[in-house]
Amino acid sequence: MAKKKALTEVGDTELLEQLSESKEEFFNLRFQLVTGELENHARIGEVKRSIARLLTELRAREIEAAEAMATAGEEVDG
């Protein structure tokens, strides 16, 4: 998984792809845990943190875009 610094340099579509892959991996890990096939239990925590990092970066970009739209709207109105 990419580090936080690298996440800021990645495009939105790639972030969404990574998020999808991480969620799928998390699902598979949970399935393996239930069936008793999981060997590395620490991987579940790693994937959960990875998902959280991706969601955090996406949300930060969403907030940044909303603020940019708000300031652009103020400049037009004002």
PDB file of N, CA and C in Angstrom:
ATOM      1  N   MET A   1       0.840  -1.185   0.000  1.00  0.00           N
ATOM      2  CA  MET A   1       0.000   0.000   0.000  1.00  0.00           C
ATOM      3  C   MET A   1       0.870   1.228   0.000  1.00  0.00           C
ATOM      4  N   ALA A   2       0.425   2.240  -0.675  1.00  0.00           N
ATOM      5  CA  ALA A   2       1.173   3.475  -0.788  1.00  0.00           C
ATOM      6  C   ALA A   2       1.155   4.256   0.526  1.00  0.00           C
ATOM      7  N   LYS A   3       2.197   4.988   0.745  1.00  0.00           N
ATOM      8  CA  LYS A   3       2.280   5.835   1.939  1.00  0.00           C
ATOM      9  C   LYS A   3       1.370   7.049   1.762  1.00  0.00           C
ATOM     10  N   LYS A   4       1.130   7.773   2.870  1.00  0.00           N
ATOM     11  CA  LYS A   4       0.245   8.931   2.826  1.00  0.00           C
ATOM     12  C   LYS A   4       0.757   9.976   1.841  1.00  0.00           C
ATOM     13  N   LYS A   5       2.048  10.229   1.834  1.00  0.00           N
ATOM     14  CA  LYS A   5       2.601  11.217   0.924  1.00  0.00           C
ATOM     15  C   LYS A   5       2.325  10.828  -0.526  1.00  0.00           C
ATOM     16  N   ALA A   6       2.427   9.553  -0.817  1.00  0.00           N
ATOM     17  CA  ALA A   6       2.172   9.096  -2.175  1.00  0.00           C
ATOM     18  C   ALA A   6       0.688   9.185  -2.522  1.00  0.00           C
ATOM     19  N   LEU A   7      -0.192   9.058  -1.542  1.00  0.00           N
ATOM     20  CA  LEU A   7      -1.629   9.135  -1.813  1.00  0.00           C
ATOM     21  C   LEU A   7      -2.030  10.512  -2.313  1.00  0.00           C
ATOM     22  N   THR A   8      -1.348  11.545  -1.844  1.00  0.00           N
ATOM     23  CA  THR A   8      -1.690  12.893  -2.282  1.00  0.00           C
ATOM     24  C   THR A   8      -1.282  13.136  -3.727  1.00  0.00           C
ATOM     25  N   GLU A   9      -0.368  12.320  -4.238  1.00  0.00           N
ATOM     26  CA  GLU A   9       0.129  12.491  -5.593  1.00  0.00           C
ATOM     27  C   GLU A   9      -0.635  11.640  -6.609  1.00  0.00           C
ATOM     28  N   VAL A  10      -1.571  10.824  -6.128  1.00  0.00           N
ATOM     29  CA  VAL A  10      -2.309   9.895  -6.983  1.00  0.00           C
ATOM     30  C   VAL A  10      -3.637  10.540  -7.403  1.00  0.00           C
ATOM     31  N   GLY A  11      -4.094  10.217  -8.595  1.00  0.00           N
ATOM     32  CA  GLY A  11      -5.354  10.751  -9.096  1.00  0.00           C
ATOM     33  C   GLY A  11      -6.563  10.127  -8.419  1.00  0.00           C
ATOM     34  N   ASP A  12      -7.699  10.767  -8.564  1.00  0.00           N
ATOM     35  CA  ASP A  12      -8.934  10.301  -7.926  1.00  0.00           C
ATOM     36  C   ASP A  12      -9.336   8.910  -8.406  1.00  0.00           C
ATOM     37  N   THR A  13      -9.234   8.674  -9.696  1.00  0.00           N
ATOM     38  CA  THR A  13      -9.663   7.373 -10.218  1.00  0.00           C
ATOM     39  C   THR A  13      -8.788   6.249  -9.679  1.00  0.00           C
ATOM     40  N   GLU A  14      -7.489   6.501  -9.558  1.00  0.00           N
ATOM     41  CA  GLU A  14      -6.605   5.470  -9.013  1.00  0.00           C
ATOM     42  C   GLU A  14      -6.887   5.239  -7.529  1.00  0.00           C
ATOM     43  N   LEU A  15      -7.207   6.301  -6.807  1.00  0.00           N
ATOM     44  CA  LEU A  15      -7.583   6.141  -5.396  1.00  0.00           C
ATOM     45  C   LEU A  15      -8.829   5.279  -5.270  1.00  0.00           C
ATOM     46  N   LEU A  16      -9.799   5.522  -6.121  1.00  0.00           N
ATOM     47  CA  LEU A  16     -11.027   4.735  -6.081  1.00  0.00           C
ATOM     48  C   LEU A  16     -10.772   3.277  -6.441  1.00  0.00           C
ATOM     49  N   GLU A  17      -9.866   3.043  -7.381  1.00  0.00           N
ATOM     50  CA  GLU A  17      -9.497   1.673  -7.737  1.00  0.00           C
ATOM     51  C   GLU A  17      -8.824   0.979  -6.560  1.00  0.00           C
ATOM     52  N   GLN A  18      -7.896   1.681  -5.902  1.00  0.00           N
ATOM     53  CA  GLN A  18      -7.209   1.116  -4.739  1.00  0.00           C
ATOM     54  C   GLN A  18      -8.200   0.825  -3.620  1.00  0.00           C
ATOM     55  N   LEU A  19      -9.168   1.718  -3.437  1.00  0.00           N
ATOM     56  CA  LEU A  19     -10.177   1.520  -2.408  1.00  0.00           C
ATOM     57  C   LEU A  19     -11.004   0.277  -2.705  1.00  0.00           C
ATOM     58  N   SER A  20     -11.400   0.123  -3.951  1.00  0.00           N
ATOM     59  CA  SER A  20     -12.176  -1.043  -4.346  1.00  0.00           C
ATOM     60  C   SER A  20     -11.387  -2.334  -4.114  1.00  0.00           C
ATOM     61  N   GLU A  21     -10.118  -2.324  -4.508  1.00  0.00           N
ATOM     62  CA  GLU A  21      -9.276  -3.502  -4.313  1.00  0.00           C
ATOM     63  C   GLU A  21      -9.089  -3.815  -2.831  1.00  0.00           C
ATOM     64  N   SER A  22      -8.897  -2.785  -2.028  1.00  0.00           N
ATOM     65  CA  SER A  22      -8.702  -2.988  -0.594  1.00  0.00           C
ATOM     66  C   SER A  22      -9.959  -3.535   0.065  1.00  0.00           C
ATOM     67  N   LYS A  23     -11.118  -3.018  -0.344  1.00  0.00           N
ATOM     68  CA  LYS A  23     -12.371  -3.522   0.217  1.00  0.00           C
ATOM     69  C   LYS A  23     -12.597  -4.977  -0.163  1.00  0.00           C
ATOM     70  N   GLU A  24     -12.247  -5.328  -1.392  1.00  0.00           N
ATOM     71  CA  GLU A  24     -12.382  -6.712  -1.828  1.00  0.00           C
ATOM     72  C   GLU A  24     -11.432  -7.622  -1.044  1.00  0.00           C
ATOM     73  N   GLU A  25     -10.208  -7.149  -0.839  1.00  0.00           N
ATOM     74  CA  GLU A  25      -9.246  -7.934  -0.063  1.00  0.00           C
ATOM     75  C   GLU A  25      -9.726  -8.103   1.382  1.00  0.00           C
ATOM     76  N   PHE A  26     -10.277  -7.042   1.945  1.00  0.00           N
ATOM     77  CA  PHE A  26     -10.787  -7.110   3.316  1.00  0.00           C
ATOM     78  C   PHE A  26     -11.920  -8.134   3.415  1.00  0.00           C
ATOM     79  N   PHE A  27     -12.805  -8.120   2.431  1.00  0.00           N
ATOM     80  CA  PHE A  27     -13.894  -9.096   2.410  1.00  0.00           C
ATOM     81  C   PHE A  27     -13.333 -10.517   2.370  1.00  0.00           C
ATOM     82  N   ASN A  28     -12.359 -10.738   1.496  1.00  0.00           N
ATOM     83  CA  ASN A  28     -11.761 -12.065   1.371  1.00  0.00           C
ATOM     84  C   ASN A  28     -11.058 -12.488   2.662  1.00  0.00           C
ATOM     85  N   LEU A  29     -10.386 -11.549   3.311  1.00  0.00           N
ATOM     86  CA  LEU A  29      -9.715 -11.860   4.576  1.00  0.00           C
ATOM     87  C   LEU A  29     -10.725 -12.234   5.652  1.00  0.00           C
ATOM     88  N   ARG A  30     -11.827 -11.511   5.702  1.00  0.00           N
ATOM     89  CA  ARG A  30     -12.861 -11.833   6.689  1.00  0.00           C
ATOM     90  C   ARG A  30     -13.451 -13.215   6.409  1.00  0.00           C
ATOM     91  N   PHE A  31     -13.638 -13.521   5.142  1.00  0.00           N
ATOM     92  CA  PHE A  31     -14.166 -14.828   4.763  1.00  0.00           C
ATOM     93  C   PHE A  31     -13.189 -15.923   5.184  1.00  0.00           C
ATOM     94  N   GLN A  32     -11.899 -15.701   4.936  1.00  0.00           N
ATOM     95  CA  GLN A  32     -10.883 -16.672   5.335  1.00  0.00           C
ATOM     96  C   GLN A  32     -10.834 -16.836   6.848  1.00  0.00           C
ATOM     97  N   LEU A  33     -11.042 -15.742   7.577  1.00  0.00           N
ATOM     98  CA  LEU A  33     -11.042 -15.804   9.037  1.00  0.00           C
ATOM     99  C   LEU A  33     -12.173 -16.701   9.539  1.00  0.00           C
ATOM    100  N   VAL A  34     -13.343 -16.539   8.974  1.00  0.00           N
ATOM    101  CA  VAL A  34     -14.502 -17.321   9.396  1.00  0.00           C
ATOM    102  C   VAL A  34     -14.324 -18.801   9.060  1.00  0.00           C
ATOM    103  N   THR A  35     -13.742 -19.070   7.905  1.00  0.00           N
ATOM    104  CA  THR A  35     -13.575 -20.464   7.491  1.00  0.00           C
ATOM    105  C   THR A  35     -12.330 -21.105   8.094  1.00  0.00           C
ATOM    106  N   GLY A  36     -11.531 -20.333   8.814  1.00  0.00           N
ATOM    107  CA  GLY A  36     -10.347 -20.866   9.471  1.00  0.00           C
ATOM    108  C   GLY A  36      -9.140 -20.995   8.566  1.00  0.00           C
ATOM    109  N   GLU A  37      -9.160 -20.379   7.407  1.00  0.00           N
ATOM    110  CA  GLU A  37      -8.060 -20.473   6.449  1.00  0.00           C
ATOM    111  C   GLU A  37      -7.045 -19.339   6.588  1.00  0.00           C
ATOM    112  N   LEU A  38      -7.359 -18.331   7.373  1.00  0.00           N
ATOM    113  CA  LEU A  38      -6.499 -17.154   7.467  1.00  0.00           C
ATOM    114  C   LEU A  38      -5.238 -17.478   8.253  1.00  0.00           C
ATOM    115  N   GLU A  39      -4.076 -17.182   7.668  1.00  0.00           N
ATOM    116  CA  GLU A  39      -2.809 -17.442   8.323  1.00  0.00           C
ATOM    117  C   GLU A  39      -2.236 -16.198   8.980  1.00  0.00           C
ATOM    118  N   ASN A  40      -2.401 -15.047   8.343  1.00  0.00           N
ATOM    119  CA  ASN A  40      -1.827 -13.801   8.862  1.00  0.00           C
ATOM    120  C   ASN A  40      -2.959 -12.897   9.360  1.00  0.00           C
ATOM    121  N   HIS A  41      -3.253 -12.969  10.641  1.00  0.00           N
ATOM    122  CA  HIS A  41      -4.348 -12.192  11.212  1.00  0.00           C
ATOM    123  C   HIS A  41      -4.035 -10.693  11.236  1.00  0.00           C
ATOM    124  N   ALA A  42      -2.779 -10.334  11.261  1.00  0.00           N
ATOM    125  CA  ALA A  42      -2.396  -8.927  11.284  1.00  0.00           C
ATOM    126  C   ALA A  42      -2.758  -8.224   9.980  1.00  0.00           C
ATOM    127  N   ARG A  43      -2.900  -8.974   8.921  1.00  0.00           N
ATOM    128  CA  ARG A  43      -3.218  -8.388   7.622  1.00  0.00           C
ATOM    129  C   ARG A  43      -4.585  -7.706   7.628  1.00  0.00           C
ATOM    130  N   ILE A  44      -5.505  -8.205   8.450  1.00  0.00           N
ATOM    131  CA  ILE A  44      -6.831  -7.587   8.539  1.00  0.00           C
ATOM    132  C   ILE A  44      -6.697  -6.140   9.010  1.00  0.00           C
ATOM    133  N   GLY A  45      -5.914  -5.921  10.048  1.00  0.00           N
ATOM    134  CA  GLY A  45      -5.705  -4.566  10.554  1.00  0.00           C
ATOM    135  C   GLY A  45      -5.008  -3.670   9.555  1.00  0.00           C
ATOM    136  N   GLU A  46      -4.043  -4.226   8.834  1.00  0.00           N
ATOM    137  CA  GLU A  46      -3.331  -3.454   7.821  1.00  0.00           C
ATOM    138  C   GLU A  46      -4.284  -2.987   6.719  1.00  0.00           C
ATOM    139  N   VAL A  47      -5.145  -3.886   6.281  1.00  0.00           N
ATOM    140  CA  VAL A  47      -6.074  -3.546   5.198  1.00  0.00           C
ATOM    141  C   VAL A  47      -7.106  -2.533   5.684  1.00  0.00           C
ATOM    142  N   LYS A  48      -7.572  -2.685   6.930  1.00  0.00           N
ATOM    143  CA  LYS A  48      -8.532  -1.716   7.476  1.00  0.00           C
ATOM    144  C   LYS A  48      -7.913  -0.326   7.547  1.00  0.00           C
ATOM    145  N   ARG A  49      -6.653  -0.240   7.976  1.00  0.00           N
ATOM    146  CA  ARG A  49      -5.974   1.057   8.029  1.00  0.00           C
ATOM    147  C   ARG A  49      -5.770   1.620   6.626  1.00  0.00           C
ATOM    148  N   SER A  50      -5.487   0.754   5.683  1.00  0.00           N
ATOM    149  CA  SER A  50      -5.323   1.180   4.304  1.00  0.00           C
ATOM    150  C   SER A  50      -6.627   1.781   3.768  1.00  0.00           C
ATOM    151  N   ILE A  51      -7.730   1.124   4.043  1.00  0.00           N
ATOM    152  CA  ILE A  51      -9.044   1.623   3.622  1.00  0.00           C
ATOM    153  C   ILE A  51      -9.318   2.976   4.267  1.00  0.00           C
ATOM    154  N   ALA A  52      -8.999   3.096   5.545  1.00  0.00           N
ATOM    155  CA  ALA A  52      -9.221   4.364   6.253  1.00  0.00           C
ATOM    156  C   ALA A  52      -8.387   5.480   5.648  1.00  0.00           C
ATOM    157  N   ARG A  53      -7.141   5.192   5.307  1.00  0.00           N
ATOM    158  CA  ARG A  53      -6.286   6.206   4.682  1.00  0.00           C
ATOM    159  C   ARG A  53      -6.850   6.663   3.337  1.00  0.00           C
ATOM    160  N   LEU A  54      -7.297   5.716   2.555  1.00  0.00           N
ATOM    161  CA  LEU A  54      -7.865   6.061   1.250  1.00  0.00           C
ATOM    162  C   LEU A  54      -9.127   6.899   1.401  1.00  0.00           C
ATOM    163  N   LEU A  55     -10.000   6.501   2.313  1.00  0.00           N
ATOM    164  CA  LEU A  55     -11.232   7.258   2.539  1.00  0.00           C
ATOM    165  C   LEU A  55     -10.931   8.661   3.059  1.00  0.00           C
ATOM    166  N   THR A  56      -9.928   8.777   3.911  1.00  0.00           N
ATOM    167  CA  THR A  56      -9.542  10.078   4.448  1.00  0.00           C
ATOM    168  C   THR A  56      -9.042  10.996   3.339  1.00  0.00           C
ATOM    169  N   GLU A  57      -8.208  10.472   2.465  1.00  0.00           N
ATOM    170  CA  GLU A  57      -7.688  11.273   1.354  1.00  0.00           C
ATOM    171  C   GLU A  57      -8.815  11.690   0.404  1.00  0.00           C
ATOM    172  N   LEU A  58      -9.722  10.778   0.106  1.00  0.00           N
ATOM    173  CA  LEU A  58     -10.846  11.117  -0.766  1.00  0.00           C
ATOM    174  C   LEU A  58     -11.725  12.194  -0.133  1.00  0.00           C
ATOM    175  N   ARG A  59     -11.964  12.074   1.158  1.00  0.00           N
ATOM    176  CA  ARG A  59     -12.785  13.071   1.847  1.00  0.00           C
ATOM    177  C   ARG A  59     -12.085  14.428   1.880  1.00  0.00           C
ATOM    178  N   ALA A  60     -10.779  14.434   2.091  1.00  0.00           N
ATOM    179  CA  ALA A  60     -10.034  15.696   2.098  1.00  0.00           C
ATOM    180  C   ALA A  60     -10.133  16.382   0.740  1.00  0.00           C
ATOM    181  N   ARG A  61     -10.062  15.599  -0.324  1.00  0.00           N
ATOM    182  CA  ARG A  61     -10.196  16.170  -1.669  1.00  0.00           C
ATOM    183  C   ARG A  61     -11.605  16.692  -1.905  1.00  0.00           C
ATOM    184  N   GLU A  62     -12.589  15.984  -1.378  1.00  0.00           N
ATOM    185  CA  GLU A  62     -13.972  16.420  -1.520  1.00  0.00           C
ATOM    186  C   GLU A  62     -14.190  17.755  -0.806  1.00  0.00           C
ATOM    187  N   ILE A  63     -13.653  17.883   0.387  1.00  0.00           N
ATOM    188  CA  ILE A  63     -13.779  19.131   1.147  1.00  0.00           C
ATOM    189  C   ILE A  63     -13.050  20.261   0.433  1.00  0.00           C
ATOM    190  N   GLU A  64     -11.863  19.967  -0.061  1.00  0.00           N
ATOM    191  CA  GLU A  64     -11.088  20.974  -0.780  1.00  0.00           C
ATOM    192  C   GLU A  64     -11.838  21.470  -2.023  1.00  0.00           C
ATOM    193  N   ALA A  65     -12.462  20.562  -2.740  1.00  0.00           N
ATOM    194  CA  ALA A  65     -13.220  20.943  -3.929  1.00  0.00           C
ATOM    195  C   ALA A  65     -14.440  21.782  -3.555  1.00  0.00           C
ATOM    196  N   ALA A  66     -15.108  21.430  -2.469  1.00  0.00           N
ATOM    197  CA  ALA A  66     -16.280  22.190  -2.031  1.00  0.00           C
ATOM    198  C   ALA A  66     -15.890  23.599  -1.606  1.00  0.00           C
ATOM    199  N   GLU A  67     -14.755  23.711  -0.919  1.00  0.00           N
ATOM    200  CA  GLU A  67     -14.282  25.036  -0.506  1.00  0.00           C
ATOM    201  C   GLU A  67     -13.892  25.875  -1.715  1.00  0.00           C
ATOM    202  N   ALA A  68     -13.296  25.241  -2.710  1.00  0.00           N
ATOM    203  CA  ALA A  68     -12.920  25.962  -3.922  1.00  0.00           C
ATOM    204  C   ALA A  68     -14.161  26.464  -4.652  1.00  0.00           C
ATOM    205  N   MET A  69     -15.198  25.645  -4.696  1.00  0.00           N
ATOM    206  CA  MET A  69     -16.446  26.062  -5.328  1.00  0.00           C
ATOM    207  C   MET A  69     -17.087  27.217  -4.561  1.00  0.00           C
ATOM    208  N   ALA A  70     -17.019  27.162  -3.235  1.00  0.00           N
ATOM    209  CA  ALA A  70     -17.623  28.215  -2.418  1.00  0.00           C
ATOM    210  C   ALA A  70     -16.886  29.543  -2.630  1.00  0.00           C
ATOM    211  N   THR A  71     -15.571  29.492  -2.666  1.00  0.00           N
ATOM    212  CA  THR A  71     -14.818  30.736  -2.865  1.00  0.00           C
ATOM    213  C   THR A  71     -15.005  31.259  -4.283  1.00  0.00           C
ATOM    214  N   ALA A  72     -15.131  30.372  -5.245  1.00  0.00           N
ATOM    215  CA  ALA A  72     -15.375  30.805  -6.622  1.00  0.00           C
ATOM    216  C   ALA A  72     -16.746  31.471  -6.724  1.00  0.00           C
ATOM    217  N   GLY A  73     -17.725  30.930  -6.023  1.00  0.00           N
ATOM    218  CA  GLY A  73     -19.057  31.512  -6.018  1.00  0.00           C
ATOM    219  C   GLY A  73     -19.089  32.878  -5.364  1.00  0.00           C
ATOM    220  N   GLU A  74     -18.303  33.057  -4.307  1.00  0.00           N
ATOM    221  CA  GLU A  74     -18.233  34.339  -3.620  1.00  0.00           C
ATOM    222  C   GLU A  74     -17.589  35.393  -4.501  1.00  0.00           C
ATOM    223  N   GLU A  75     -16.570  34.996  -5.242  1.00  0.00           N
ATOM    224  CA  GLU A  75     -15.892  35.947  -6.132  1.00  0.00           C
ATOM    225  C   GLU A  75     -16.817  36.427  -7.241  1.00  0.00           C
ATOM    226  N   VAL A  76     -17.674  35.543  -7.732  1.00  0.00           N
ATOM    227  CA  VAL A  76     -18.605  35.919  -8.793  1.00  0.00           C
ATOM    228  C   VAL A  76     -19.697  36.834  -8.235  1.00  0.00           C
ATOM    229  N   ASP A  77     -20.207  36.502  -7.048  1.00  0.00           N
ATOM    230  CA  ASP A  77     -21.274  37.286  -6.439  1.00  0.00           C
ATOM    231  C   ASP A  77     -20.775  38.619  -5.911  1.00  0.00           C
ATOM    232  N   GLY A  78     -19.561  38.632  -5.390  1.00  0.00           N
ATOM    233  CA  GLY A  78     -19.042  39.813  -4.704  1.00  0.00           C
ATOM    234  C   GLY A  78     -18.386  40.754  -5.591  1.00  0.00           C
TER     235      GLY A  78
END
